[in-house]
Amino acid sequence: IHDGKAEEIHLDAYGETRDATSAS
């Protein structure tokens, strides 16, 4: 997931759901 050019988030879900929060 990319927010413009500055921020990038990587999520990996292997057999279960994963959450991540961005800086915004």
PDB file of all heavy atoms in Angstrom:
ATOM      1  N   ILE A   1       0.850  -1.179   0.000  1.00  0.00           N
ATOM      2  CA  ILE A   1       0.000   0.000   0.000  1.00  0.00           C
ATOM      3  C   ILE A   1       0.888   1.232   0.000  1.00  0.00           C
ATOM      4  O   ILE A   1       1.798   1.352   0.813  1.00  0.00           O
ATOM      5  CB  ILE A   1      -0.915   0.014   1.246  1.00  0.00           C
ATOM      6  CG1 ILE A   1      -1.715  -1.295   1.313  1.00  0.00           C
ATOM      7  CG2 ILE A   1      -1.827   1.227   1.232  1.00  0.00           C
ATOM      8  CD1 ILE A   1      -2.276  -1.608   2.669  1.00  0.00           C
ATOM      9  N   HIS A   2       0.635   2.147  -0.924  1.00  0.00           N
ATOM     10  CA  HIS A   2       1.430   3.369  -1.038  1.00  0.00           C
ATOM     11  C   HIS A   2       0.544   4.577  -0.805  1.00  0.00           C
ATOM     12  O   HIS A   2      -0.551   4.664  -1.346  1.00  0.00           O
ATOM     13  CB  HIS A   2       2.054   3.481  -2.434  1.00  0.00           C
ATOM     14  CG  HIS A   2       2.941   2.336  -2.774  1.00  0.00           C
ATOM     15  ND1 HIS A   2       4.279   2.330  -2.485  1.00  0.00           N
ATOM     16  CD2 HIS A   2       2.683   1.153  -3.376  1.00  0.00           C
ATOM     17  CE1 HIS A   2       4.812   1.195  -2.896  1.00  0.00           C
ATOM     18  NE2 HIS A   2       3.863   0.459  -3.425  1.00  0.00           N
ATOM     19  N   ASP A   3       1.026   5.520  -0.014  1.00  0.00           N
ATOM     20  CA  ASP A   3       0.353   6.797   0.194  1.00  0.00           C
ATOM     21  C   ASP A   3       1.236   7.863  -0.436  1.00  0.00           C
ATOM     22  O   ASP A   3       2.209   8.304   0.161  1.00  0.00           O
ATOM     23  CB  ASP A   3       0.162   7.070   1.680  1.00  0.00           C
ATOM     24  CG  ASP A   3      -0.553   8.383   1.941  1.00  0.00           C
ATOM     25  OD1 ASP A   3      -1.092   8.970   0.985  1.00  0.00           O
ATOM     26  OD2 ASP A   3      -0.569   8.833   3.102  1.00  0.00           O
ATOM     27  N   GLY A   4       0.909   8.249  -1.650  1.00  0.00           N
ATOM     28  CA  GLY A   4       1.759   9.184  -2.366  1.00  0.00           C
ATOM     29  C   GLY A   4       3.108   8.546  -2.648  1.00  0.00           C
ATOM     30  O   GLY A   4       3.199   7.383  -2.981  1.00  0.00           O
ATOM     31  N   LYS A   5       4.180   9.307  -2.483  1.00  0.00           N
ATOM     32  CA  LYS A   5       5.523   8.774  -2.721  1.00  0.00           C
ATOM     33  C   LYS A   5       6.265   8.481  -1.426  1.00  0.00           C
ATOM     34  O   LYS A   5       7.260   7.786  -1.431  1.00  0.00           O
ATOM     35  CB  LYS A   5       6.334   9.780  -3.532  1.00  0.00           C
ATOM     36  CG  LYS A   5       5.812   9.990  -4.926  1.00  0.00           C
ATOM     37  CD  LYS A   5       6.675  10.972  -5.671  1.00  0.00           C
ATOM     38  CE  LYS A   5       6.147  11.191  -7.077  1.00  0.00           C
ATOM     39  NZ  LYS A   5       6.969  12.142  -7.830  1.00  0.00           N
ATOM     40  N   ALA A   6       5.783   9.001  -0.300  1.00  0.00           N
ATOM     41  CA  ALA A   6       6.570   8.951   0.936  1.00  0.00           C
ATOM     42  C   ALA A   6       6.318   7.726   1.808  1.00  0.00           C
ATOM     43  O   ALA A   6       7.205   7.277   2.507  1.00  0.00           O
ATOM     44  CB  ALA A   6       6.321  10.215   1.756  1.00  0.00           C
ATOM     45  N   GLU A   7       5.126   7.195   1.799  1.00  0.00           N
ATOM     46  CA  GLU A   7       4.770   6.160   2.777  1.00  0.00           C
ATOM     47  C   GLU A   7       4.409   4.845   2.092  1.00  0.00           C
ATOM     48  O   GLU A   7       3.678   4.833   1.110  1.00  0.00           O
ATOM     49  CB  GLU A   7       3.597   6.639   3.614  1.00  0.00           C
ATOM     50  CG  GLU A   7       3.263   5.718   4.751  1.00  0.00           C
ATOM     51  CD  GLU A   7       2.192   6.312   5.654  1.00  0.00           C
ATOM     52  OE1 GLU A   7       1.759   7.432   5.422  1.00  0.00           O
ATOM     53  OE2 GLU A   7       1.791   5.601   6.561  1.00  0.00           O
ATOM     54  N   GLU A   8       4.915   3.747   2.626  1.00  0.00           N
ATOM     55  CA  GLU A   8       4.595   2.424   2.093  1.00  0.00           C
ATOM     56  C   GLU A   8       4.332   1.466   3.248  1.00  0.00           C
ATOM     57  O   GLU A   8       5.052   1.467   4.237  1.00  0.00           O
ATOM     58  CB  GLU A   8       5.739   1.899   1.230  1.00  0.00           C
ATOM     59  CG  GLU A   8       5.442   0.554   0.617  1.00  0.00           C
ATOM     60  CD  GLU A   8       6.559   0.096  -0.297  1.00  0.00           C
ATOM     61  OE1 GLU A   8       7.708   0.017   0.166  1.00  0.00           O
ATOM     62  OE2 GLU A   8       6.274  -0.185  -1.455  1.00  0.00           O
ATOM     63  N   ILE A   9       3.294   0.648   3.116  1.00  0.00           N
ATOM     64  CA  ILE A   9       2.934  -0.346   4.120  1.00  0.00           C
ATOM     65  C   ILE A   9       2.959  -1.713   3.448  1.00  0.00           C
ATOM     66  O   ILE A   9       2.494  -1.876   2.333  1.00  0.00           O
ATOM     67  CB  ILE A   9       1.518  -0.086   4.676  1.00  0.00           C
ATOM     68  CG1 ILE A   9       1.444   1.277   5.337  1.00  0.00           C
ATOM     69  CG2 ILE A   9       1.121  -1.177   5.655  1.00  0.00           C
ATOM     70  CD1 ILE A   9       0.034   1.708   5.636  1.00  0.00           C
ATOM     71  N   HIS A  10       3.494  -2.706   4.144  1.00  0.00           N
ATOM     72  CA  HIS A  10       3.510  -4.087   3.657  1.00  0.00           C
ATOM     73  C   HIS A  10       2.667  -4.925   4.616  1.00  0.00           C
ATOM     74  O   HIS A  10       2.880  -4.872   5.828  1.00  0.00           O
ATOM     75  CB  HIS A  10       4.929  -4.653   3.653  1.00  0.00           C
ATOM     76  CG  HIS A  10       5.855  -3.913   2.751  1.00  0.00           C
ATOM     77  ND1 HIS A  10       6.191  -4.369   1.506  1.00  0.00           N
ATOM     78  CD2 HIS A  10       6.500  -2.740   2.906  1.00  0.00           C
ATOM     79  CE1 HIS A  10       7.010  -3.514   0.937  1.00  0.00           C
ATOM     80  NE2 HIS A  10       7.215  -2.515   1.765  1.00  0.00           N
ATOM     81  N   LEU A  11       1.725  -5.671   4.075  1.00  0.00           N
ATOM     82  CA  LEU A  11       0.911  -6.582   4.876  1.00  0.00           C
ATOM     83  C   LEU A  11       1.055  -7.994   4.316  1.00  0.00           C
ATOM     84  O   LEU A  11       0.980  -8.187   3.102  1.00  0.00           O
ATOM     85  CB  LEU A  11      -0.571  -6.195   4.810  1.00  0.00           C
ATOM     86  CG  LEU A  11      -1.037  -4.999   5.605  1.00  0.00           C
ATOM     87  CD1 LEU A  11      -2.495  -4.701   5.272  1.00  0.00           C
ATOM     88  CD2 LEU A  11      -0.894  -5.256   7.082  1.00  0.00           C
ATOM     89  N   ASP A  12       1.247  -8.965   5.189  1.00  0.00           N
ATOM     90  CA  ASP A  12       1.298 -10.370   4.801  1.00  0.00           C
ATOM     91  C   ASP A  12       0.291 -11.130   5.654  1.00  0.00           C
ATOM     92  O   ASP A  12       0.318 -11.015   6.882  1.00  0.00           O
ATOM     93  CB  ASP A  12       2.693 -10.949   5.033  1.00  0.00           C
ATOM     94  CG  ASP A  12       3.749 -10.255   4.199  1.00  0.00           C
ATOM     95  OD1 ASP A  12       3.516 -10.075   2.988  1.00  0.00           O
ATOM     96  OD2 ASP A  12       4.796  -9.902   4.745  1.00  0.00           O
ATOM     97  N   ALA A  13      -0.598 -11.882   5.025  1.00  0.00           N
ATOM     98  CA  ALA A  13      -1.583 -12.681   5.744  1.00  0.00           C
ATOM     99  C   ALA A  13      -1.377 -14.142   5.361  1.00  0.00           C
ATOM    100  O   ALA A  13      -1.656 -14.533   4.233  1.00  0.00           O
ATOM    101  CB  ALA A  13      -3.002 -12.232   5.406  1.00  0.00           C
ATOM    102  N   TYR A  14      -0.873 -14.929   6.285  1.00  0.00           N
ATOM    103  CA  TYR A  14      -0.638 -16.360   6.068  1.00  0.00           C
ATOM    104  C   TYR A  14      -1.539 -17.148   6.991  1.00  0.00           C
ATOM    105  O   TYR A  14      -1.196 -17.396   8.142  1.00  0.00           O
ATOM    106  CB  TYR A  14       0.824 -16.726   6.344  1.00  0.00           C
ATOM    107  CG  TYR A  14       1.799 -16.048   5.410  1.00  0.00           C
ATOM    108  CD1 TYR A  14       2.540 -14.967   5.835  1.00  0.00           C
ATOM    109  CD2 TYR A  14       1.960 -16.505   4.111  1.00  0.00           C
ATOM    110  CE1 TYR A  14       3.432 -14.340   4.976  1.00  0.00           C
ATOM    111  CE2 TYR A  14       2.837 -15.885   3.246  1.00  0.00           C
ATOM    112  CZ  TYR A  14       3.572 -14.814   3.684  1.00  0.00           C
ATOM    113  OH  TYR A  14       4.438 -14.191   2.831  1.00  0.00           O
ATOM    114  N   GLY A  15      -2.728 -17.497   6.513  1.00  0.00           N
ATOM    115  CA  GLY A  15      -3.643 -18.302   7.303  1.00  0.00           C
ATOM    116  C   GLY A  15      -4.476 -17.530   8.311  1.00  0.00           C
ATOM    117  O   GLY A  15      -5.373 -18.084   8.909  1.00  0.00           O
ATOM    118  N   GLU A  16      -4.198 -16.240   8.518  1.00  0.00           N
ATOM    119  CA  GLU A  16      -5.025 -15.429   9.405  1.00  0.00           C
ATOM    120  C   GLU A  16      -4.996 -13.977   8.946  1.00  0.00           C
ATOM    121  O   GLU A  16      -4.117 -13.555   8.204  1.00  0.00           O
ATOM    122  CB  GLU A  16      -4.566 -15.539  10.859  1.00  0.00           C
ATOM    123  CG  GLU A  16      -3.140 -15.097  11.113  1.00  0.00           C
ATOM    124  CD  GLU A  16      -2.699 -15.366  12.554  1.00  0.00           C
ATOM    125  OE1 GLU A  16      -2.588 -16.535  12.923  1.00  0.00           O
ATOM    126  OE2 GLU A  16      -2.477 -14.382  13.260  1.00  0.00           O
ATOM    127  N   THR A  17      -5.965 -13.201   9.395  1.00  0.00           N
ATOM    128  CA  THR A  17      -6.111 -11.802   9.004  1.00  0.00           C
ATOM    129  C   THR A  17      -5.064 -10.939   9.692  1.00  0.00           C
ATOM    130  O   THR A  17      -4.734 -11.165  10.852  1.00  0.00           O
ATOM    131  CB  THR A  17      -7.533 -11.321   9.364  1.00  0.00           C
ATOM    132  OG1 THR A  17      -8.479 -12.135   8.652  1.00  0.00           O
ATOM    133  CG2 THR A  17      -7.739  -9.872   9.004  1.00  0.00           C
ATOM    134  N   ARG A  18      -4.549  -9.945   8.978  1.00  0.00           N
ATOM    135  CA  ARG A  18      -3.537  -9.029   9.518  1.00  0.00           C
ATOM    136  C   ARG A  18      -4.012  -7.589   9.412  1.00  0.00           C
ATOM    137  O   ARG A  18      -4.638  -7.192   8.436  1.00  0.00           O
ATOM    138  CB  ARG A  18      -2.224  -9.156   8.750  1.00  0.00           C
ATOM    139  CG  ARG A  18      -1.566 -10.481   8.917  1.00  0.00           C
ATOM    140  CD  ARG A  18      -0.980 -10.611  10.309  1.00  0.00           C
ATOM    141  NE  ARG A  18      -0.298 -11.880  10.425  1.00  0.00           N
ATOM    142  CZ  ARG A  18      -0.205 -12.559  11.538  1.00  0.00           C
ATOM    143  NH1 ARG A  18      -0.754 -12.104  12.635  1.00  0.00           N
ATOM    144  NH2 ARG A  18       0.433 -13.693  11.573  1.00  0.00           N
ATOM    145  N   ASP A  19      -3.674  -6.789  10.415  1.00  0.00           N
ATOM    146  CA  ASP A  19      -3.986  -5.357  10.444  1.00  0.00           C
ATOM    147  C   ASP A  19      -2.706  -4.547  10.496  1.00  0.00           C
ATOM    148  O   ASP A  19      -1.711  -4.982  11.073  1.00  0.00           O
ATOM    149  CB  ASP A  19      -4.812  -4.991  11.689  1.00  0.00           C
ATOM    150  CG  ASP A  19      -6.192  -5.637  11.694  1.00  0.00           C
ATOM    151  OD1 ASP A  19      -6.757  -5.834  10.607  1.00  0.00           O
ATOM    152  OD2 ASP A  19      -6.693  -5.920  12.793  1.00  0.00           O
ATOM    153  N   ALA A  20      -2.740  -3.360   9.915  1.00  0.00           N
ATOM    154  CA  ALA A  20      -1.627  -2.414  10.013  1.00  0.00           C
ATOM    155  C   ALA A  20      -2.205  -1.013   9.951  1.00  0.00           C
ATOM    156  O   ALA A  20      -3.184  -0.763   9.246  1.00  0.00           O
ATOM    157  CB  ALA A  20      -0.624  -2.609   8.888  1.00  0.00           C
ATOM    158  N   THR A  21      -1.623  -0.092  10.682  1.00  0.00           N
ATOM    159  CA  THR A  21      -2.086   1.283  10.689  1.00  0.00           C
ATOM    160  C   THR A  21      -1.042   2.165  10.037  1.00  0.00           C
ATOM    161  O   THR A  21       0.143   2.061  10.331  1.00  0.00           O
ATOM    162  CB  THR A  21      -2.335   1.767  12.133  1.00  0.00           C
ATOM    163  OG1 THR A  21      -3.250   0.880  12.760  1.00  0.00           O
ATOM    164  CG2 THR A  21      -2.923   3.158  12.130  1.00  0.00           C
ATOM    165  N   SER A  22      -1.490   3.024   9.150  1.00  0.00           N
ATOM    166  CA  SER A  22      -0.565   3.945   8.500  1.00  0.00           C
ATOM    167  C   SER A  22      -0.382   5.184   9.372  1.00  0.00           C
ATOM    168  O   SER A  22      -1.093   5.395  10.344  1.00  0.00           O
ATOM    169  CB  SER A  22      -1.092   4.359   7.127  1.00  0.00           C
ATOM    170  OG  SER A  22      -2.123   5.305   7.276  1.00  0.00           O
ATOM    171  N   ALA A  23       0.544   6.030   9.014  1.00  0.00           N
ATOM    172  CA  ALA A  23       0.809   7.252   9.764  1.00  0.00           C
ATOM    173  C   ALA A  23      -0.365   8.213   9.692  1.00  0.00           C
ATOM    174  O   ALA A  23      -0.547   9.038  10.571  1.00  0.00           O
ATOM    175  CB  ALA A  23       2.069   7.922   9.236  1.00  0.00           C
ATOM    176  N   SER A  24      -1.183   8.115   8.660  1.00  0.00           N
ATOM    177  CA  SER A  24      -2.327   9.020   8.539  1.00  0.00           C
ATOM    178  C   SER A  24      -3.542   8.529   9.316  1.00  0.00           C
ATOM    179  O   SER A  24      -4.599   9.137   9.265  1.00  0.00           O
ATOM    180  CB  SER A  24      -2.692   9.216   7.067  1.00  0.00           C
ATOM    181  OG  SER A  24      -3.122   8.000   6.510  1.00  0.00           O
TER     182      SER A  24
END
